[in-house]
Amino acid sequence: MKQFFETYVNTQIVSSSMSQLKDADNDGDGIVTSGLTQLEMFDLSESILSKTTWTNHLVLISRTKSEEERAFYLNLCISENYKVKELERQISAGF
């Protein structure tokens, strides 16, 4: 779980929603709401990360080398509804 967090914490997939929350709350003269409040407002079930299985994420984290490669296989996995074996085969084949 720690590796999942460290992998996706700074990616565009997650940070774009968090940035929108910060921008909406920031009037320029005040403090942006606390991180805990922003996390409570962020619904992971609406994120692309929730559209595939935990095992697929484990494969993506361990087998991909870059953020771009991981995003490519994540989108492919979601659009083609890949199971773990098929995802591993696609990564091994260098699709």
Protein backbone atom coordinates (compact mmCIF):
# COMPACT_ATOMS: atom_id res chain seq x y z
CA MET A 1 0.00 0.00 0.00
CA LYS A 2 2.88 2.32 0.76
CA GLN A 3 4.36 1.63 -2.66
CA PHE A 4 0.96 2.32 -4.28
CA PHE A 5 0.79 5.68 -2.53
CA GLU A 6 4.38 6.60 -3.40
CA THR A 7 3.80 5.61 -7.03
CA TYR A 8 0.62 7.59 -7.60
CA VAL A 9 0.91 10.52 -5.18
CA ASN A 10 2.45 12.92 -7.72
CA THR A 11 0.89 11.62 -10.90
CA GLN A 12 -1.43 13.74 -13.00
CA ILE A 13 -4.23 11.22 -12.44
CA VAL A 14 -4.49 12.04 -8.74
CA SER A 15 -2.96 15.48 -8.45
CA SER A 16 -5.22 17.15 -11.02
CA SER A 17 -8.27 16.70 -8.82
CA MET A 18 -6.37 17.79 -5.75
CA SER A 19 -5.09 20.89 -7.57
CA GLN A 20 -8.63 21.80 -8.58
CA LEU A 21 -9.69 21.56 -4.95
CA LYS A 22 -6.84 23.83 -3.89
CA ASP A 23 -7.61 26.37 -6.62
CA ALA A 24 -11.30 26.45 -5.73
CA ASP A 25 -10.58 27.07 -2.05
CA ASN A 26 -7.79 29.63 -2.53
CA ASP A 27 -8.95 33.23 -2.82
CA GLY A 28 -5.40 34.53 -2.98
CA ASP A 29 -5.45 36.11 0.49
CA GLY A 30 -6.17 33.13 2.70
CA ILE A 31 -4.74 29.79 3.60
CA VAL A 32 -5.79 26.84 1.48
CA THR A 33 -7.85 24.33 3.44
CA SER A 34 -5.96 21.68 5.34
CA GLY A 35 -4.71 18.58 3.55
CA LEU A 36 -7.04 16.37 5.58
CA THR A 37 -10.09 18.33 4.42
CA GLN A 38 -8.95 18.07 0.81
CA LEU A 39 -8.42 14.32 1.13
CA GLU A 40 -11.86 13.90 2.62
CA MET A 41 -13.37 15.75 -0.34
CA PHE A 42 -11.41 13.73 -2.91
CA ASP A 43 -13.38 10.64 -3.92
CA LEU A 44 -11.03 7.90 -5.13
CA SER A 45 -13.96 5.90 -6.47
CA GLU A 46 -14.28 8.51 -9.24
CA SER A 47 -10.59 8.20 -10.12
CA ILE A 48 -9.14 6.16 -12.98
CA LEU A 49 -7.13 4.27 -10.34
CA SER A 50 -10.27 2.54 -9.08
CA LYS A 51 -11.17 1.19 -12.52
CA THR A 52 -8.77 -1.78 -12.33
CA THR A 53 -7.91 -4.41 -9.76
CA TRP A 54 -5.37 -4.21 -6.96
CA THR A 55 -3.38 -7.08 -8.53
CA ASN A 56 -3.17 -5.19 -11.81
CA HIS A 57 -1.78 -2.22 -9.90
CA LEU A 58 0.82 -4.46 -8.27
CA VAL A 59 1.92 -5.67 -11.72
CA LEU A 60 1.98 -2.11 -13.08
CA ILE A 61 4.05 -0.84 -10.17
CA SER A 62 6.57 -3.68 -10.26
CA ARG A 63 6.92 -4.21 -14.03
CA THR A 64 6.82 -0.72 -15.57
CA LYS A 65 9.82 1.60 -15.63
CA SER A 66 8.31 5.04 -16.17
CA GLU A 67 5.19 6.99 -15.34
CA GLU A 68 4.28 7.19 -19.04
CA GLU A 69 4.60 3.43 -19.49
CA ARG A 70 2.52 2.83 -16.37
CA ALA A 71 -0.19 5.24 -17.57
CA PHE A 72 -0.24 3.55 -21.00
CA TYR A 73 -0.73 0.08 -19.54
CA LEU A 74 -3.23 1.37 -16.98
CA ASN A 75 -5.39 2.85 -19.74
CA LEU A 76 -4.97 -0.28 -21.86
CA CYS A 77 -5.88 -2.45 -18.90
CA ILE A 78 -9.06 -0.46 -18.28
CA SER A 79 -10.17 -0.18 -21.90
CA GLU A 80 -9.54 -3.87 -22.69
CA ASN A 81 -10.59 -5.16 -19.26
CA TYR A 82 -7.35 -7.10 -18.83
CA LYS A 83 -6.88 -9.61 -16.08
CA VAL A 84 -3.45 -10.04 -14.46
CA LYS A 85 -2.18 -12.76 -16.81
CA GLU A 86 -3.07 -10.78 -19.93
CA LEU A 87 -1.54 -7.60 -18.52
CA GLU A 88 1.69 -9.44 -17.68
CA ARG A 89 1.74 -10.94 -21.20
CA GLN A 90 1.30 -7.51 -22.81
CA ILE A 91 4.07 -5.97 -20.71
CA SER A 92 6.43 -8.90 -21.40
CA ALA A 93 5.73 -8.63 -25.12
CA GLY A 94 6.41 -4.90 -25.02
CA PHE A 95 3.04 -4.00 -26.55
